[in-house]
């Protein structure tokens, strides 16, 4: 679900981004500042898990940290999945047009979990933008 958290931020803030990264490659880890070889998508996710461990001790959302760090060491397109986009679009339709999720007992726990993650990241983005724009 870390990918979904990143995707909320990425889809909200990214501009045209052409990544220089194509597997396999070597790049500096944003955590250790040491060169690291990224041969597979699993290597990228290993780095993301390390970022998540550090993020656990901060007040920032995991989406915010990943939004700022992923472009420093990998191609964001390796992280954003089609289902992330679909879930975020569904969430936005529900919120913008006040569409009900349906009967709570009939809604899958996966969908509720995804919507909760999206809502948390949307709130984190709003707070980030408020502080950035107001300086507080």
C-alpha atoms as a PDB file:
ATOM      1  CA  UNK A   1       0.000   0.000   0.000  1.00  0.00           C
ATOM      2  CA  UNK A   2       3.045   2.262   0.149  1.00  0.00           C
ATOM      3  CA  UNK A   3       2.779   2.501  -3.623  1.00  0.00           C
ATOM      4  CA  UNK A   4      -0.774   3.798  -3.319  1.00  0.00           C
ATOM      5  CA  UNK A   5       0.367   6.410  -0.778  1.00  0.00           C
ATOM      6  CA  UNK A   6       3.076   7.567  -3.186  1.00  0.00           C
ATOM      7  CA  UNK A   7       0.662   7.586  -6.119  1.00  0.00           C
ATOM      8  CA  UNK A   8      -1.737   9.956  -4.333  1.00  0.00           C
ATOM      9  CA  UNK A   9       1.069  12.509  -3.947  1.00  0.00           C
ATOM     10  CA  UNK A  10       2.586  11.862  -7.370  1.00  0.00           C
ATOM     11  CA  UNK A  11      -0.688  12.226  -9.240  1.00  0.00           C
ATOM     12  CA  UNK A  12      -1.489  15.421  -7.293  1.00  0.00           C
ATOM     13  CA  UNK A  13       1.866  17.197  -7.686  1.00  0.00           C
ATOM     14  CA  UNK A  14       3.969  15.812 -10.489  1.00  0.00           C
ATOM     15  CA  UNK A  15       4.682  17.694 -13.647  1.00  0.00           C
ATOM     16  CA  UNK A  16       6.073  16.199 -16.807  1.00  0.00           C
ATOM     17  CA  UNK A  17       8.793  13.954 -15.519  1.00  0.00           C
ATOM     18  CA  UNK A  18      11.297  12.131 -17.661  1.00  0.00           C
ATOM     19  CA  UNK A  19      13.221   9.746 -15.477  1.00  0.00           C
ATOM     20  CA  UNK A  20      16.817   8.839 -16.283  1.00  0.00           C
ATOM     21  CA  UNK A  21      16.377   5.433 -14.628  1.00  0.00           C
ATOM     22  CA  UNK A  22      15.937   2.172 -16.464  1.00  0.00           C
ATOM     23  CA  UNK A  23      16.698  -1.175 -14.842  1.00  0.00           C
ATOM     24  CA  UNK A  24      19.404  -2.191 -14.175  1.00  0.00           C
ATOM     25  CA  UNK A  25      21.244   0.886 -12.922  1.00  0.00           C
ATOM     26  CA  UNK A  26      23.366   2.181 -10.057  1.00  0.00           C
ATOM     27  CA  UNK A  27      22.287   5.176  -7.974  1.00  0.00           C
ATOM     28  CA  UNK A  28      22.909   6.749  -4.590  1.00  0.00           C
ATOM     29  CA  UNK A  29      20.534   5.635  -1.863  1.00  0.00           C
ATOM     30  CA  UNK A  30      18.646   8.620  -0.399  1.00  0.00           C
ATOM     31  CA  UNK A  31      19.096   7.060   3.051  1.00  0.00           C
ATOM     32  CA  UNK A  32      22.711   5.914   3.161  1.00  0.00           C
ATOM     33  CA  UNK A  33      24.145   8.228   0.483  1.00  0.00           C
ATOM     34  CA  UNK A  34      26.052   5.209  -0.819  1.00  0.00           C
ATOM     35  CA  UNK A  35      25.904   3.928  -4.382  1.00  0.00           C
ATOM     36  CA  UNK A  36      23.590   0.984  -4.717  1.00  0.00           C
ATOM     37  CA  UNK A  37      22.785  -1.329  -7.588  1.00  0.00           C
ATOM     38  CA  UNK A  38      19.136  -1.624  -8.603  1.00  0.00           C
ATOM     39  CA  UNK A  39      18.745  -4.706 -10.781  1.00  0.00           C
ATOM     40  CA  UNK A  40      15.061  -5.484 -10.260  1.00  0.00           C
ATOM     41  CA  UNK A  41      11.795  -3.937  -9.073  1.00  0.00           C
ATOM     42  CA  UNK A  42      12.335  -5.896  -5.833  1.00  0.00           C
ATOM     43  CA  UNK A  43      15.544  -3.893  -5.228  1.00  0.00           C
ATOM     44  CA  UNK A  44      13.506  -0.695  -5.570  1.00  0.00           C
ATOM     45  CA  UNK A  45      10.894  -1.975  -3.114  1.00  0.00           C
ATOM     46  CA  UNK A  46      13.663  -2.953  -0.665  1.00  0.00           C
ATOM     47  CA  UNK A  47      14.815   0.667  -0.686  1.00  0.00           C
ATOM     48  CA  UNK A  48      11.225   1.850  -0.224  1.00  0.00           C
ATOM     49  CA  UNK A  49      10.854  -0.444   2.809  1.00  0.00           C
ATOM     50  CA  UNK A  50      13.983   1.121   4.324  1.00  0.00           C
ATOM     51  CA  UNK A  51      12.500   4.569   3.737  1.00  0.00           C
ATOM     52  CA  UNK A  52       9.288   3.398   5.434  1.00  0.00           C
ATOM     53  CA  UNK A  53      11.257   2.256   8.496  1.00  0.00           C
ATOM     54  CA  UNK A  54      12.783   5.732   8.846  1.00  0.00           C
ATOM     55  CA  UNK A  55       9.435   7.392   8.096  1.00  0.00           C
ATOM     56  CA  UNK A  56       7.809   5.533  10.971  1.00  0.00           C
ATOM     57  CA  UNK A  57       9.640   7.859  13.384  1.00  0.00           C
ATOM     58  CA  UNK A  58       8.552  11.094  11.672  1.00  0.00           C
ATOM     59  CA  UNK A  59       5.410  13.171  11.562  1.00  0.00           C
ATOM     60  CA  UNK A  60       5.309  13.031   7.749  1.00  0.00           C
ATOM     61  CA  UNK A  61       3.106  10.587   5.855  1.00  0.00           C
ATOM     62  CA  UNK A  62       4.836   7.802   3.973  1.00  0.00           C
ATOM     63  CA  UNK A  63       3.385   9.245   0.756  1.00  0.00           C
ATOM     64  CA  UNK A  64       5.091  12.578   1.401  1.00  0.00           C
ATOM     65  CA  UNK A  65       8.489  11.019   2.057  1.00  0.00           C
ATOM     66  CA  UNK A  66       8.207   8.768  -0.983  1.00  0.00           C
ATOM     67  CA  UNK A  67       7.055  11.664  -3.171  1.00  0.00           C
ATOM     68  CA  UNK A  68      10.238  13.566  -2.341  1.00  0.00           C
ATOM     69  CA  UNK A  69      12.643  10.603  -2.378  1.00  0.00           C
ATOM     70  CA  UNK A  70      11.550   8.209  -5.137  1.00  0.00           C
ATOM     71  CA  UNK A  71      12.525  10.493  -8.044  1.00  0.00           C
ATOM     72  CA  UNK A  72      16.025  10.710  -6.509  1.00  0.00           C
ATOM     73  CA  UNK A  73      16.736   7.008  -6.973  1.00  0.00           C
ATOM     74  CA  UNK A  74      14.229   5.441  -9.368  1.00  0.00           C
ATOM     75  CA  UNK A  75      11.640   5.940 -12.063  1.00  0.00           C
ATOM     76  CA  UNK A  76       8.269   6.756 -10.435  1.00  0.00           C
ATOM     77  CA  UNK A  77       6.568   4.738 -13.164  1.00  0.00           C
ATOM     78  CA  UNK A  78       7.976   1.617 -11.492  1.00  0.00           C
ATOM     79  CA  UNK A  79       5.813   2.459  -8.454  1.00  0.00           C
ATOM     80  CA  UNK A  80       2.548   3.857  -9.858  1.00  0.00           C
ATOM     81  CA  UNK A  81       0.264   0.969 -10.827  1.00  0.00           C
ATOM     82  CA  UNK A  82      -2.846   1.167 -12.959  1.00  0.00           C
ATOM     83  CA  UNK A  83      -4.975   0.009 -10.035  1.00  0.00           C
ATOM     84  CA  UNK A  84      -3.672   2.973  -7.967  1.00  0.00           C
ATOM     85  CA  UNK A  85      -4.984   5.367 -10.591  1.00  0.00           C
ATOM     86  CA  UNK A  86      -8.303   3.539 -10.792  1.00  0.00           C
ATOM     87  CA  UNK A  87      -8.720   3.523  -6.994  1.00  0.00           C
ATOM     88  CA  UNK A  88      -7.818   7.223  -6.688  1.00  0.00           C
ATOM     89  CA  UNK A  89     -10.240   8.090  -9.502  1.00  0.00           C
ATOM     90  CA  UNK A  90     -12.984   6.069  -7.816  1.00  0.00           C
ATOM     91  CA  UNK A  91     -12.269   7.807  -4.503  1.00  0.00           C
ATOM     92  CA  UNK A  92     -12.411  11.229  -6.188  1.00  0.00           C
ATOM     93  CA  UNK A  93     -15.705  10.410  -7.907  1.00  0.00           C
ATOM     94  CA  UNK A  94     -17.172   9.266  -4.616  1.00  0.00           C
ATOM     95  CA  UNK A  95     -16.018  12.415  -2.789  1.00  0.00           C
ATOM     96  CA  UNK A  96     -16.720  14.972  -5.524  1.00  0.00           C
ATOM     97  CA  UNK A  97     -20.155  13.683  -6.474  1.00  0.00           C
ATOM     98  CA  UNK A  98     -21.162  12.450  -3.038  1.00  0.00           C
ATOM     99  CA  UNK A  99     -21.605   8.897  -4.286  1.00  0.00           C
ATOM    100  CA  UNK A 100     -22.178   6.319  -1.578  1.00  0.00           C
ATOM    101  CA  UNK A 101     -19.819   3.391  -1.159  1.00  0.00           C
ATOM    102  CA  UNK A 102     -22.920   1.261  -0.715  1.00  0.00           C
ATOM    103  CA  UNK A 103     -23.992  -0.792   2.237  1.00  0.00           C
ATOM    104  CA  UNK A 104     -21.009  -1.032   4.577  1.00  0.00           C
ATOM    105  CA  UNK A 105     -21.384  -4.801   4.945  1.00  0.00           C
ATOM    106  CA  UNK A 106     -21.099  -5.160   1.169  1.00  0.00           C
ATOM    107  CA  UNK A 107     -17.987  -3.011   0.720  1.00  0.00           C
ATOM    108  CA  UNK A 108     -14.753  -4.991   0.560  1.00  0.00           C
ATOM    109  CA  UNK A 109     -12.228  -4.428   3.306  1.00  0.00           C
ATOM    110  CA  UNK A 110      -9.568  -3.842   0.612  1.00  0.00           C
ATOM    111  CA  UNK A 111     -11.558  -0.952  -0.850  1.00  0.00           C
ATOM    112  CA  UNK A 112     -12.139   0.549   2.611  1.00  0.00           C
ATOM    113  CA  UNK A 113      -8.435   0.205   3.384  1.00  0.00           C
ATOM    114  CA  UNK A 114      -7.466   1.870   0.096  1.00  0.00           C
ATOM    115  CA  UNK A 115      -9.929   4.721   0.606  1.00  0.00           C
ATOM    116  CA  UNK A 116      -8.585   5.224   4.135  1.00  0.00           C
ATOM    117  CA  UNK A 117      -5.019   5.430   2.820  1.00  0.00           C
ATOM    118  CA  UNK A 118      -6.073   7.864   0.096  1.00  0.00           C
ATOM    119  CA  UNK A 119      -7.971  10.036   2.601  1.00  0.00           C
ATOM    120  CA  UNK A 120      -4.976  10.118   4.958  1.00  0.00           C
ATOM    121  CA  UNK A 121      -2.661  11.159   2.136  1.00  0.00           C
ATOM    122  CA  UNK A 122      -5.129  13.782   0.851  1.00  0.00           C
ATOM    123  CA  UNK A 123      -5.209  15.242   4.368  1.00  0.00           C
ATOM    124  CA  UNK A 124      -1.388  15.156   4.532  1.00  0.00           C
ATOM    125  CA  UNK A 125      -1.192  16.959   1.169  1.00  0.00           C
ATOM    126  CA  UNK A 126      -3.605  19.627   2.393  1.00  0.00           C
ATOM    127  CA  UNK A 127      -1.515  20.155   5.539  1.00  0.00           C
ATOM    128  CA  UNK A 128       1.731  20.225   3.524  1.00  0.00           C
ATOM    129  CA  UNK A 129       0.281  22.815   1.133  1.00  0.00           C
ATOM    130  CA  UNK A 130      -1.108  24.893   4.008  1.00  0.00           C
ATOM    131  CA  UNK A 131       2.282  25.043   5.720  1.00  0.00           C
ATOM    132  CA  UNK A 132       4.096  25.627   2.424  1.00  0.00           C
ATOM    133  CA  UNK A 133       1.779  28.482   1.410  1.00  0.00           C
ATOM    134  CA  UNK A 134       1.327  30.110   4.818  1.00  0.00           C
ATOM    135  CA  UNK A 135       4.716  29.344   6.273  1.00  0.00           C
ATOM    136  CA  UNK A 136       3.190  27.858   9.427  1.00  0.00           C
END
